[in-house]
């Protein structure tokens, strides 16, 4: 969520999906949680049918996972996650990687005779 500069990568392609599944990003990678977001027409069709959307497991709604999810959503709402994503995208670009490598990754290292035995 937000790692590509928009909340969902699909936004960059101008696609409006009927369903979006979110999981790892929703819990910030720290807690297992997932969700399905649906367009209103999908929700309406389910309500006109059985009115029931079966999903979940016995550990559904764990308080810690839900707290992690809320923290991630708060970060996304504040725009922090998207700003961080833009910084990360720059940092992983070819030019930035080359610059970083030339400045920080030295190929010559002092040898230690004691470790070469």
PDB file of N, CA and C in Angstrom:
ATOM      1  N   UNK A   1       0.837  -1.161   0.000  1.00  0.00           N
ATOM      2  CA  UNK A   1       0.000   0.000   0.000  1.00  0.00           C
ATOM      3  C   UNK A   1       0.888   1.232   0.000  1.00  0.00           C
ATOM      4  N   UNK A   2       0.849   1.956  -1.102  1.00  0.00           N
ATOM      5  CA  UNK A   2       1.614   3.182  -1.196  1.00  0.00           C
ATOM      6  C   UNK A   2       3.057   3.020  -1.589  1.00  0.00           C
ATOM      7  N   UNK A   3       3.526   1.801  -1.807  1.00  0.00           N
ATOM      8  CA  UNK A   3       4.950   1.600  -2.085  1.00  0.00           C
ATOM      9  C   UNK A   3       5.348   2.027  -3.492  1.00  0.00           C
ATOM     10  N   UNK A   4       4.379   2.233  -4.370  1.00  0.00           N
ATOM     11  CA  UNK A   4       4.708   2.612  -5.744  1.00  0.00           C
ATOM     12  C   UNK A   4       4.440   4.083  -6.018  1.00  0.00           C
ATOM     13  N   UNK A   5       4.064   4.843  -4.995  1.00  0.00           N
ATOM     14  CA  UNK A   5       3.788   6.262  -5.165  1.00  0.00           C
ATOM     15  C   UNK A   5       2.304   6.579  -5.141  1.00  0.00           C
ATOM     16  N   UNK A   6       1.459   5.592  -5.375  1.00  0.00           N
ATOM     17  CA  UNK A   6       0.011   5.731  -5.211  1.00  0.00           C
ATOM     18  C   UNK A   6      -0.422   4.678  -4.192  1.00  0.00           C
ATOM     19  N   UNK A   7      -1.626   4.836  -3.680  1.00  0.00           N
ATOM     20  CA  UNK A   7      -2.062   3.896  -2.649  1.00  0.00           C
ATOM     21  C   UNK A   7      -2.038   2.464  -3.168  1.00  0.00           C
ATOM     22  N   UNK A   8      -2.533   2.268  -4.381  1.00  0.00           N
ATOM     23  CA  UNK A   8      -2.502   0.947  -5.022  1.00  0.00           C
ATOM     24  C   UNK A   8      -1.868   1.106  -6.393  1.00  0.00           C
ATOM     25  N   UNK A   9      -1.028   0.180  -6.784  1.00  0.00           N
ATOM     26  CA  UNK A   9      -0.318   0.265  -8.061  1.00  0.00           C
ATOM     27  C   UNK A   9      -1.277   0.346  -9.237  1.00  0.00           C
ATOM     28  N   UNK A  10      -2.441  -0.260  -9.125  1.00  0.00           N
ATOM     29  CA  UNK A  10      -3.420  -0.263 -10.208  1.00  0.00           C
ATOM     30  C   UNK A  10      -3.855   1.163 -10.574  1.00  0.00           C
ATOM     31  N   UNK A  11      -3.767   2.095  -9.646  1.00  0.00           N
ATOM     32  CA  UNK A  11      -4.144   3.485  -9.909  1.00  0.00           C
ATOM     33  C   UNK A  11      -3.269   4.114 -10.986  1.00  0.00           C
ATOM     34  N   UNK A  12      -2.036   3.677 -11.098  1.00  0.00           N
ATOM     35  CA  UNK A  12      -1.118   4.247 -12.082  1.00  0.00           C
ATOM     36  C   UNK A  12      -1.479   3.842 -13.500  1.00  0.00           C
ATOM     37  N   UNK A  13      -2.256   2.773 -13.643  1.00  0.00           N
ATOM     38  CA  UNK A  13      -2.659   2.299 -14.961  1.00  0.00           C
ATOM     39  C   UNK A  13      -4.060   2.752 -15.337  1.00  0.00           C
ATOM     40  N   UNK A  14      -4.711   3.504 -14.474  1.00  0.00           N
ATOM     41  CA  UNK A  14      -6.048   3.996 -14.767  1.00  0.00           C
ATOM     42  C   UNK A  14      -7.106   2.902 -14.784  1.00  0.00           C
ATOM     43  N   UNK A  15      -6.852   1.813 -14.094  1.00  0.00           N
ATOM     44  CA  UNK A  15      -7.783   0.689 -14.050  1.00  0.00           C
ATOM     45  C   UNK A  15      -8.646   0.816 -12.798  1.00  0.00           C
ATOM     46  N   UNK A  16      -9.935   0.506 -12.951  1.00  0.00           N
ATOM     47  CA  UNK A  16     -10.841   0.494 -11.808  1.00  0.00           C
ATOM     48  C   UNK A  16     -11.329  -0.944 -11.641  1.00  0.00           C
ATOM     49  N   UNK A  17     -10.674  -1.716 -10.785  1.00  0.00           N
ATOM     50  CA  UNK A  17     -11.045  -3.127 -10.626  1.00  0.00           C
ATOM     51  C   UNK A  17     -12.355  -3.291  -9.856  1.00  0.00           C
ATOM     52  N   UNK A  18     -13.032  -4.398 -10.111  1.00  0.00           N
ATOM     53  CA  UNK A  18     -14.258  -4.711  -9.380  1.00  0.00           C
ATOM     54  C   UNK A  18     -13.926  -5.108  -7.946  1.00  0.00           C
ATOM     55  N   UNK A  19     -12.804  -5.801  -7.774  1.00  0.00           N
ATOM     56  CA  UNK A  19     -12.356  -6.248  -6.455  1.00  0.00           C
ATOM     57  C   UNK A  19     -10.871  -5.952  -6.291  1.00  0.00           C
ATOM     58  N   UNK A  20     -10.474  -5.590  -5.100  1.00  0.00           N
ATOM     59  CA  UNK A  20      -9.054  -5.443  -4.773  1.00  0.00           C
ATOM     60  C   UNK A  20      -8.811  -6.234  -3.492  1.00  0.00           C
ATOM     61  N   UNK A  21      -7.793  -7.076  -3.527  1.00  0.00           N
ATOM     62  CA  UNK A  21      -7.409  -7.789  -2.308  1.00  0.00           C
ATOM     63  C   UNK A  21      -6.154  -7.134  -1.750  1.00  0.00           C
ATOM     64  N   UNK A  22      -6.136  -6.957  -0.471  1.00  0.00           N
ATOM     65  CA  UNK A  22      -4.964  -6.391   0.190  1.00  0.00           C
ATOM     66  C   UNK A  22      -4.647  -7.270   1.390  1.00  0.00           C
ATOM     67  N   UNK A  23      -3.372  -7.452   1.648  1.00  0.00           N
ATOM     68  CA  UNK A  23      -2.991  -8.299   2.780  1.00  0.00           C
ATOM     69  C   UNK A  23      -1.702  -7.797   3.405  1.00  0.00           C
ATOM     70  N   UNK A  24      -0.557  -8.201   2.876  1.00  0.00           N
ATOM     71  CA  UNK A  24       0.725  -7.902   3.517  1.00  0.00           C
ATOM     72  C   UNK A  24       0.884  -6.410   3.802  1.00  0.00           C
ATOM     73  N   UNK A  25       0.582  -5.576   2.838  1.00  0.00           N
ATOM     74  CA  UNK A  25       0.711  -4.136   3.030  1.00  0.00           C
ATOM     75  C   UNK A  25      -0.235  -3.587   4.078  1.00  0.00           C
ATOM     76  N   UNK A  26      -1.381  -4.216   4.224  1.00  0.00           N
ATOM     77  CA  UNK A  26      -2.370  -3.747   5.191  1.00  0.00           C
ATOM     78  C   UNK A  26      -1.859  -3.872   6.621  1.00  0.00           C
ATOM     79  N   UNK A  27      -1.102  -4.904   6.889  1.00  0.00           N
ATOM     80  CA  UNK A  27      -0.535  -5.086   8.230  1.00  0.00           C
ATOM     81  C   UNK A  27       0.879  -4.557   8.337  1.00  0.00           C
ATOM     82  N   UNK A  28       1.331  -3.850   7.315  1.00  0.00           N
ATOM     83  CA  UNK A  28       2.681  -3.301   7.327  1.00  0.00           C
ATOM     84  C   UNK A  28       3.750  -4.378   7.288  1.00  0.00           C
ATOM     85  N   UNK A  29       3.368  -5.598   6.947  1.00  0.00           N
ATOM     86  CA  UNK A  29       4.318  -6.699   6.918  1.00  0.00           C
ATOM     87  C   UNK A  29       4.621  -7.262   8.299  1.00  0.00           C
ATOM     88  N   UNK A  30       3.954  -6.730   9.323  1.00  0.00           N
ATOM     89  CA  UNK A  30       4.225  -7.160  10.694  1.00  0.00           C
ATOM     90  C   UNK A  30       3.182  -8.123  11.239  1.00  0.00           C
ATOM     91  N   UNK A  31       1.960  -7.980  10.792  1.00  0.00           N
ATOM     92  CA  UNK A  31       0.871  -8.811  11.298  1.00  0.00           C
ATOM     93  C   UNK A  31       0.086  -9.383  10.125  1.00  0.00           C
ATOM     94  N   UNK A  32      -0.313 -10.640  10.195  1.00  0.00           N
ATOM     95  CA  UNK A  32      -1.100 -11.222   9.112  1.00  0.00           C
ATOM     96  C   UNK A  32      -2.539 -10.716   9.156  1.00  0.00           C
ATOM     97  N   UNK A  33      -2.927 -10.015   8.112  1.00  0.00           N
ATOM     98  CA  UNK A  33      -4.301  -9.521   7.989  1.00  0.00           C
ATOM     99  C   UNK A  33      -4.568  -9.313   6.509  1.00  0.00           C
ATOM    100  N   UNK A  34      -5.782  -9.448   6.112  1.00  0.00           N
ATOM    101  CA  UNK A  34      -6.144  -9.247   4.714  1.00  0.00           C
ATOM    102  C   UNK A  34      -7.544  -8.675   4.619  1.00  0.00           C
ATOM    103  N   UNK A  35      -7.855  -8.146   3.456  1.00  0.00           N
ATOM    104  CA  UNK A  35      -9.180  -7.575   3.225  1.00  0.00           C
ATOM    105  C   UNK A  35      -9.492  -7.644   1.740  1.00  0.00           C
ATOM    106  N   UNK A  36     -10.769  -7.602   1.442  1.00  0.00           N
ATOM    107  CA  UNK A  36     -11.233  -7.514   0.062  1.00  0.00           C
ATOM    108  C   UNK A  36     -12.082  -6.260  -0.032  1.00  0.00           C
ATOM    109  N   UNK A  37     -11.749  -5.410  -0.987  1.00  0.00           N
ATOM    110  CA  UNK A  37     -12.558  -4.221  -1.238  1.00  0.00           C
ATOM    111  C   UNK A  37     -13.321  -4.460  -2.528  1.00  0.00           C
ATOM    112  N   UNK A  38     -14.606  -4.110  -2.525  1.00  0.00           N
ATOM    113  CA  UNK A  38     -15.458  -4.366  -3.685  1.00  0.00           C
ATOM    114  C   UNK A  38     -16.185  -3.094  -4.101  1.00  0.00           C
ATOM    115  N   UNK A  39     -16.433  -2.987  -5.404  1.00  0.00           N
ATOM    116  CA  UNK A  39     -17.252  -1.891  -5.894  1.00  0.00           C
ATOM    117  C   UNK A  39     -18.670  -2.053  -5.345  1.00  0.00           C
ATOM    118  N   UNK A  40     -19.375  -0.946  -5.258  1.00  0.00           N
ATOM    119  CA  UNK A  40     -20.724  -0.974  -4.691  1.00  0.00           C
ATOM    120  C   UNK A  40     -21.637  -1.922  -5.458  1.00  0.00           C
ATOM    121  N   UNK A  41     -21.472  -2.031  -6.773  1.00  0.00           N
ATOM    122  CA  UNK A  41     -22.339  -2.921  -7.558  1.00  0.00           C
ATOM    123  C   UNK A  41     -22.151  -4.386  -7.139  1.00  0.00           C
ATOM    124  N   UNK A  42     -20.937  -4.745  -6.729  1.00  0.00           N
ATOM    125  CA  UNK A  42     -20.675  -6.105  -6.256  1.00  0.00           C
ATOM    126  C   UNK A  42     -21.353  -6.321  -4.900  1.00  0.00           C
ATOM    127  N   UNK A  43     -21.215  -5.341  -4.018  1.00  0.00           N
ATOM    128  CA  UNK A  43     -21.842  -5.421  -2.695  1.00  0.00           C
ATOM    129  C   UNK A  43     -23.360  -5.512  -2.846  1.00  0.00           C
ATOM    130  N   UNK A  44     -23.932  -4.688  -3.734  1.00  0.00           N
ATOM    131  CA  UNK A  44     -25.380  -4.711  -3.959  1.00  0.00           C
ATOM    132  C   UNK A  44     -25.842  -6.077  -4.456  1.00  0.00           C
ATOM    133  N   UNK A  45     -25.087  -6.673  -5.377  1.00  0.00           N
ATOM    134  CA  UNK A  45     -25.453  -7.993  -5.909  1.00  0.00           C
ATOM    135  C   UNK A  45     -25.428  -9.044  -4.805  1.00  0.00           C
ATOM    136  N   UNK A  46     -24.453  -8.972  -3.918  1.00  0.00           N
ATOM    137  CA  UNK A  46     -24.393  -9.934  -2.809  1.00  0.00           C
ATOM    138  C   UNK A  46     -25.565  -9.733  -1.852  1.00  0.00           C
ATOM    139  N   UNK A  47     -25.911  -8.467  -1.600  1.00  0.00           N
ATOM    140  CA  UNK A  47     -27.020  -8.190  -0.686  1.00  0.00           C
ATOM    141  C   UNK A  47     -28.352  -8.650  -1.267  1.00  0.00           C
ATOM    142  N   UNK A  48     -28.502  -8.546  -2.582  1.00  0.00           N
ATOM    143  CA  UNK A  48     -29.738  -8.996  -3.227  1.00  0.00           C
ATOM    144  C   UNK A  48     -29.817 -10.521  -3.268  1.00  0.00           C
ATOM    145  N   UNK A  49     -28.674 -11.167  -3.231  1.00  0.00           N
ATOM    146  CA  UNK A  49     -28.647 -12.635  -3.208  1.00  0.00           C
ATOM    147  C   UNK A  49     -28.845 -13.119  -1.787  1.00  0.00           C
ATOM    148  N   UNK A  50     -27.860 -13.803  -1.283  1.00  0.00           N
ATOM    149  CA  UNK A  50     -27.960 -14.346   0.081  1.00  0.00           C
ATOM    150  C   UNK A  50     -27.723 -13.283   1.145  1.00  0.00           C
ATOM    151  N   UNK A  51     -27.077 -12.182   0.741  1.00  0.00           N
ATOM    152  CA  UNK A  51     -26.735 -11.151   1.713  1.00  0.00           C
ATOM    153  C   UNK A  51     -25.565 -11.528   2.589  1.00  0.00           C
ATOM    154  N   UNK A  52     -24.884 -12.588   2.198  1.00  0.00           N
ATOM    155  CA  UNK A  52     -23.811 -13.140   3.026  1.00  0.00           C
ATOM    156  C   UNK A  52     -22.551 -13.295   2.195  1.00  0.00           C
ATOM    157  N   UNK A  53     -21.460 -12.827   2.716  1.00  0.00           N
ATOM    158  CA  UNK A  53     -20.167 -12.965   2.044  1.00  0.00           C
ATOM    159  C   UNK A  53     -19.280 -13.801   2.948  1.00  0.00           C
ATOM    160  N   UNK A  54     -19.178 -15.081   2.654  1.00  0.00           N
ATOM    161  CA  UNK A  54     -18.430 -16.012   3.501  1.00  0.00           C
ATOM    162  C   UNK A  54     -16.930 -15.846   3.287  1.00  0.00           C
ATOM    163  N   UNK A  55     -16.242 -15.517   4.331  1.00  0.00           N
ATOM    164  CA  UNK A  55     -14.783 -15.440   4.296  1.00  0.00           C
ATOM    165  C   UNK A  55     -14.271 -15.443   5.730  1.00  0.00           C
ATOM    166  N   UNK A  56     -12.995 -15.665   5.881  1.00  0.00           N
ATOM    167  CA  UNK A  56     -12.393 -15.572   7.196  1.00  0.00           C
ATOM    168  C   UNK A  56     -12.020 -16.915   7.788  1.00  0.00           C
ATOM    169  N   UNK A  57     -11.393 -16.835   8.925  1.00  0.00           N
ATOM    170  CA  UNK A  57     -10.913 -18.009   9.637  1.00  0.00           C
ATOM    171  C   UNK A  57     -11.192 -17.830  11.120  1.00  0.00           C
ATOM    172  N   UNK A  58     -10.804 -18.796  11.914  1.00  0.00           N
ATOM    173  CA  UNK A  58     -11.072 -18.732  13.351  1.00  0.00           C
ATOM    174  C   UNK A  58     -10.318 -17.599  14.043  1.00  0.00           C
ATOM    175  N   UNK A  59      -9.216 -17.147  13.442  1.00  0.00           N
ATOM    176  CA  UNK A  59      -8.436 -16.072  14.066  1.00  0.00           C
ATOM    177  C   UNK A  59      -8.792 -14.704  13.485  1.00  0.00           C
ATOM    178  N   UNK A  60      -9.925 -14.610  12.850  1.00  0.00           N
ATOM    179  CA  UNK A  60     -10.375 -13.380  12.201  1.00  0.00           C
ATOM    180  C   UNK A  60     -10.508 -12.232  13.208  1.00  0.00           C
ATOM    181  N   UNK A  61     -10.025 -11.072  12.832  1.00  0.00           N
ATOM    182  CA  UNK A  61     -10.204  -9.885  13.648  1.00  0.00           C
ATOM    183  C   UNK A  61      -9.309  -9.800  14.867  1.00  0.00           C
ATOM    184  N   UNK A  62      -8.124 -10.389  14.811  1.00  0.00           N
ATOM    185  CA  UNK A  62      -7.206 -10.339  15.948  1.00  0.00           C
ATOM    186  C   UNK A  62      -6.883  -8.878  16.262  1.00  0.00           C
ATOM    187  N   UNK A  63      -6.927  -8.522  17.517  1.00  0.00           N
ATOM    188  CA  UNK A  63      -6.766  -7.126  17.937  1.00  0.00           C
ATOM    189  C   UNK A  63      -5.434  -6.525  17.505  1.00  0.00           C
ATOM    190  N   UNK A  64      -4.346  -7.276  17.597  1.00  0.00           N
ATOM    191  CA  UNK A  64      -3.034  -6.735  17.222  1.00  0.00           C
ATOM    192  C   UNK A  64      -2.962  -6.517  15.714  1.00  0.00           C
ATOM    193  N   UNK A  65      -3.477  -7.469  14.933  1.00  0.00           N
ATOM    194  CA  UNK A  65      -3.471  -7.314  13.478  1.00  0.00           C
ATOM    195  C   UNK A  65      -4.334  -6.127  13.065  1.00  0.00           C
ATOM    196  N   UNK A  66      -5.478  -5.960  13.710  1.00  0.00           N
ATOM    197  CA  UNK A  66      -6.348  -4.829  13.391  1.00  0.00           C
ATOM    198  C   UNK A  66      -5.688  -3.505  13.769  1.00  0.00           C
ATOM    199  N   UNK A  67      -4.969  -3.472  14.881  1.00  0.00           N
ATOM    200  CA  UNK A  67      -4.252  -2.257  15.286  1.00  0.00           C
ATOM    201  C   UNK A  67      -3.163  -1.917  14.275  1.00  0.00           C
ATOM    202  N   UNK A  68      -2.433  -2.931  13.803  1.00  0.00           N
ATOM    203  CA  UNK A  68      -1.407  -2.697  12.779  1.00  0.00           C
ATOM    204  C   UNK A  68      -2.046  -2.165  11.511  1.00  0.00           C
ATOM    205  N   UNK A  69      -3.183  -2.727  11.140  1.00  0.00           N
ATOM    206  CA  UNK A  69      -3.895  -2.283   9.947  1.00  0.00           C
ATOM    207  C   UNK A  69      -4.329  -0.824  10.069  1.00  0.00           C
ATOM    208  N   UNK A  70      -4.851  -0.450  11.215  1.00  0.00           N
ATOM    209  CA  UNK A  70      -5.258   0.943  11.424  1.00  0.00           C
ATOM    210  C   UNK A  70      -4.064   1.887  11.356  1.00  0.00           C
ATOM    211  N   UNK A  71      -2.927   1.479  11.905  1.00  0.00           N
ATOM    212  CA  UNK A  71      -1.722   2.313  11.851  1.00  0.00           C
ATOM    213  C   UNK A  71      -1.268   2.507  10.408  1.00  0.00           C
ATOM    214  N   UNK A  72      -1.321   1.447   9.609  1.00  0.00           N
ATOM    215  CA  UNK A  72      -0.946   1.558   8.195  1.00  0.00           C
ATOM    216  C   UNK A  72      -1.903   2.497   7.477  1.00  0.00           C
ATOM    217  N   UNK A  73      -3.199   2.359   7.733  1.00  0.00           N
ATOM    218  CA  UNK A  73      -4.170   3.230   7.080  1.00  0.00           C
ATOM    219  C   UNK A  73      -3.981   4.685   7.493  1.00  0.00           C
ATOM    220  N   UNK A  74      -3.670   4.927   8.762  1.00  0.00           N
ATOM    221  CA  UNK A  74      -3.390   6.294   9.215  1.00  0.00           C
ATOM    222  C   UNK A  74      -2.184   6.869   8.486  1.00  0.00           C
ATOM    223  N   UNK A  75      -1.132   6.062   8.328  1.00  0.00           N
ATOM    224  CA  UNK A  75       0.066   6.522   7.616  1.00  0.00           C
ATOM    225  C   UNK A  75      -0.262   6.833   6.164  1.00  0.00           C
ATOM    226  N   UNK A  76      -1.087   6.006   5.550  1.00  0.00           N
ATOM    227  CA  UNK A  76      -1.479   6.253   4.157  1.00  0.00           C
ATOM    228  C   UNK A  76      -2.326   7.513   4.052  1.00  0.00           C
ATOM    229  N   UNK A  77      -3.244   7.711   4.991  1.00  0.00           N
ATOM    230  CA  UNK A  77      -4.089   8.907   4.979  1.00  0.00           C
ATOM    231  C   UNK A  77      -3.269  10.176   5.140  1.00  0.00           C
ATOM    232  N   UNK A  78      -2.209  10.107   5.922  1.00  0.00           N
ATOM    233  CA  UNK A  78      -1.393  11.297   6.161  1.00  0.00           C
ATOM    234  C   UNK A  78      -0.484  11.609   4.979  1.00  0.00           C
ATOM    235  N   UNK A  79      -0.375  10.677   4.039  1.00  0.00           N
ATOM    236  CA  UNK A  79       0.495  10.883   2.888  1.00  0.00           C
ATOM    237  C   UNK A  79       1.927  10.474   3.144  1.00  0.00           C
ATOM    238  N   UNK A  80       2.244  10.116   4.381  1.00  0.00           N
ATOM    239  CA  UNK A  80       3.623   9.744   4.719  1.00  0.00           C
ATOM    240  C   UNK A  80       4.101   8.588   3.869  1.00  0.00           C
ATOM    241  N   UNK A  81       3.284   7.557   3.730  1.00  0.00           N
ATOM    242  CA  UNK A  81       3.691   6.359   3.009  1.00  0.00           C
ATOM    243  C   UNK A  81       3.986   6.670   1.545  1.00  0.00           C
ATOM    244  N   UNK A  82       3.192   7.528   0.932  1.00  0.00           N
ATOM    245  CA  UNK A  82       3.422   7.866  -0.475  1.00  0.00           C
ATOM    246  C   UNK A  82       4.679   8.708  -0.645  1.00  0.00           C
ATOM    247  N   UNK A  83       4.927   9.615   0.293  1.00  0.00           N
ATOM    248  CA  UNK A  83       6.170  10.396   0.207  1.00  0.00           C
ATOM    249  C   UNK A  83       7.371   9.468   0.363  1.00  0.00           C
ATOM    250  N   UNK A  84       7.300   8.535   1.298  1.00  0.00           N
ATOM    251  CA  UNK A  84       8.382   7.570   1.495  1.00  0.00           C
ATOM    252  C   UNK A  84       8.555   6.712   0.250  1.00  0.00           C
ATOM    253  N   UNK A  85       7.449   6.343  -0.392  1.00  0.00           N
ATOM    254  CA  UNK A  85       7.529   5.525  -1.610  1.00  0.00           C
ATOM    255  C   UNK A  85       8.275   6.271  -2.705  1.00  0.00           C
ATOM    256  N   UNK A  86       8.042   7.555  -2.833  1.00  0.00           N
ATOM    257  CA  UNK A  86       8.742   8.338  -3.864  1.00  0.00           C
ATOM    258  C   UNK A  86      10.239   8.385  -3.576  1.00  0.00           C
ATOM    259  N   UNK A  87      10.592   8.513  -2.315  1.00  0.00           N
ATOM    260  CA  UNK A  87      12.011   8.505  -1.944  1.00  0.00           C
ATOM    261  C   UNK A  87      12.621   7.149  -2.272  1.00  0.00           C
ATOM    262  N   UNK A  88      11.914   6.076  -1.945  1.00  0.00           N
ATOM    263  CA  UNK A  88      12.422   4.733  -2.234  1.00  0.00           C
ATOM    264  C   UNK A  88      12.541   4.498  -3.731  1.00  0.00           C
ATOM    265  N   UNK A  89      11.574   4.995  -4.511  1.00  0.00           N
ATOM    266  CA  UNK A  89      11.649   4.818  -5.963  1.00  0.00           C
ATOM    267  C   UNK A  89      12.885   5.529  -6.503  1.00  0.00           C
ATOM    268  N   UNK A  90      13.172   6.733  -6.003  1.00  0.00           N
ATOM    269  CA  UNK A  90      14.362   7.443  -6.442  1.00  0.00           C
ATOM    270  C   UNK A  90      15.608   6.663  -6.047  1.00  0.00           C
ATOM    271  N   UNK A  91      15.609   6.181  -4.812  1.00  0.00           N
ATOM    272  CA  UNK A  91      16.799   5.500  -4.304  1.00  0.00           C
ATOM    273  C   UNK A  91      17.103   4.220  -5.054  1.00  0.00           C
ATOM    274  N   UNK A  92      16.101   3.610  -5.640  1.00  0.00           N
ATOM    275  CA  UNK A  92      16.332   2.363  -6.360  1.00  0.00           C
ATOM    276  C   UNK A  92      16.468   2.564  -7.860  1.00  0.00           C
ATOM    277  N   UNK A  93      16.421   3.792  -8.311  1.00  0.00           N
ATOM    278  CA  UNK A  93      16.603   4.028  -9.744  1.00  0.00           C
ATOM    279  C   UNK A  93      18.045   3.703 -10.124  1.00  0.00           C
ATOM    280  N   UNK A  94      18.262   3.472 -11.388  1.00  0.00           N
ATOM    281  CA  UNK A  94      19.595   3.068 -11.855  1.00  0.00           C
ATOM    282  C   UNK A  94      20.654   4.119 -11.539  1.00  0.00           C
ATOM    283  N   UNK A  95      20.326   5.375 -11.764  1.00  0.00           N
ATOM    284  CA  UNK A  95      21.311   6.427 -11.518  1.00  0.00           C
ATOM    285  C   UNK A  95      21.652   6.522 -10.038  1.00  0.00           C
ATOM    286  N   UNK A  96      20.633   6.464  -9.218  1.00  0.00           N
ATOM    287  CA  UNK A  96      20.874   6.552  -7.778  1.00  0.00           C
ATOM    288  C   UNK A  96      21.658   5.342  -7.291  1.00  0.00           C
ATOM    289  N   UNK A  97      21.322   4.177  -7.806  1.00  0.00           N
ATOM    290  CA  UNK A  97      22.031   2.963  -7.394  1.00  0.00           C
ATOM    291  C   UNK A  97      23.492   3.031  -7.793  1.00  0.00           C
ATOM    292  N   UNK A  98      23.752   3.529  -8.986  1.00  0.00           N
ATOM    293  CA  UNK A  98      25.130   3.647  -9.456  1.00  0.00           C
ATOM    294  C   UNK A  98      25.907   4.637  -8.601  1.00  0.00           C
ATOM    295  N   UNK A  99      25.279   5.770  -8.308  1.00  0.00           N
ATOM    296  CA  UNK A  99      25.924   6.784  -7.485  1.00  0.00           C
ATOM    297  C   UNK A  99      26.199   6.248  -6.087  1.00  0.00           C
ATOM    298  N   UNK A 100      25.219   5.579  -5.516  1.00  0.00           N
ATOM    299  CA  UNK A 100      25.380   5.022  -4.184  1.00  0.00           C
ATOM    300  C   UNK A 100      26.494   3.984  -4.177  1.00  0.00           C
ATOM    301  N   UNK A 101      26.493   3.125  -5.181  1.00  0.00           N
ATOM    302  CA  UNK A 101      27.499   2.059  -5.227  1.00  0.00           C
ATOM    303  C   UNK A 101      28.902   2.627  -5.343  1.00  0.00           C
ATOM    304  N   UNK A 102      29.072   3.649  -6.164  1.00  0.00           N
ATOM    305  CA  UNK A 102      30.415   4.195  -6.341  1.00  0.00           C
ATOM    306  C   UNK A 102      30.904   4.914  -5.092  1.00  0.00           C
ATOM    307  N   UNK A 103      29.991   5.451  -4.319  1.00  0.00           N
ATOM    308  CA  UNK A 103      30.385   6.183  -3.117  1.00  0.00           C
ATOM    309  C   UNK A 103      30.507   5.314  -1.877  1.00  0.00           C
ATOM    310  N   UNK A 104      29.708   4.274  -1.777  1.00  0.00           N
ATOM    311  CA  UNK A 104      29.631   3.532  -0.538  1.00  0.00           C
ATOM    312  C   UNK A 104      30.133   2.097  -0.607  1.00  0.00           C
ATOM    313  N   UNK A 105      30.084   1.497  -1.751  1.00  0.00           N
ATOM    314  CA  UNK A 105      30.503   0.095  -1.862  1.00  0.00           C
ATOM    315  C   UNK A 105      31.914   0.047  -2.422  1.00  0.00           C
ATOM    316  N   UNK A 106      32.853  -0.169  -1.609  1.00  0.00           N
ATOM    317  CA  UNK A 106      34.248  -0.228  -2.038  1.00  0.00           C
ATOM    318  C   UNK A 106      34.606  -1.655  -2.404  1.00  0.00           C
ATOM    319  N   UNK A 107      35.251  -1.811  -3.546  1.00  0.00           N
ATOM    320  CA  UNK A 107      35.641  -3.160  -3.962  1.00  0.00           C
ATOM    321  C   UNK A 107      36.952  -3.577  -3.325  1.00  0.00           C
ATOM    322  N   UNK A 108      37.779  -2.604  -2.962  1.00  0.00           N
ATOM    323  CA  UNK A 108      39.055  -2.927  -2.331  1.00  0.00           C
ATOM    324  C   UNK A 108      38.894  -2.843  -0.820  1.00  0.00           C
ATOM    325  N   UNK A 109      39.228  -3.911  -0.176  1.00  0.00           N
ATOM    326  CA  UNK A 109      39.143  -3.941   1.279  1.00  0.00           C
ATOM    327  C   UNK A 109      40.505  -4.339   1.823  1.00  0.00           C
ATOM    328  N   UNK A 110      40.893  -3.776   2.935  1.00  0.00           N
ATOM    329  CA  UNK A 110      42.177  -4.172   3.513  1.00  0.00           C
ATOM    330  C   UNK A 110      42.124  -5.637   3.921  1.00  0.00           C
ATOM    331  N   UNK A 111      43.154  -6.339   3.583  1.00  0.00           N
ATOM    332  CA  UNK A 111      43.181  -7.761   3.943  1.00  0.00           C
ATOM    333  C   UNK A 111      43.724  -7.923   5.351  1.00  0.00           C
ATOM    334  N   UNK A 112      43.268  -8.948   5.979  1.00  0.00           N
ATOM    335  CA  UNK A 112      43.749  -9.286   7.312  1.00  0.00           C
ATOM    336  C   UNK A 112      44.372 -10.663   7.208  1.00  0.00           C
ATOM    337  N   UNK A 113      45.668 -10.752   7.351  1.00  0.00           N
ATOM    338  CA  UNK A 113      46.340 -12.044   7.203  1.00  0.00           C
ATOM    339  C   UNK A 113      45.763 -13.135   8.087  1.00  0.00           C
ATOM    340  N   UNK A 114      45.274 -12.756   9.259  1.00  0.00           N
ATOM    341  CA  UNK A 114      44.756 -13.784  10.167  1.00  0.00           C
ATOM    342  C   UNK A 114      43.497 -14.455   9.612  1.00  0.00           C
ATOM    343  N   UNK A 115      42.754 -13.753   8.743  1.00  0.00           N
ATOM    344  CA  UNK A 115      41.531 -14.344   8.201  1.00  0.00           C
ATOM    345  C   UNK A 115      41.778 -15.083   6.895  1.00  0.00           C
ATOM    346  N   UNK A 116      42.983 -14.974   6.350  1.00  0.00           N
ATOM    347  CA  UNK A 116      43.278 -15.616   5.074  1.00  0.00           C
ATOM    348  C   UNK A 116      43.884 -16.998   5.234  1.00  0.00           C
ATOM    349  N   UNK A 117      44.143 -17.436   6.424  1.00  0.00           N
ATOM    350  CA  UNK A 117      44.783 -18.726   6.652  1.00  0.00           C
ATOM    351  C   UNK A 117      43.868 -19.865   6.353  1.00  0.00           C
TER     352      UNK A 117
END
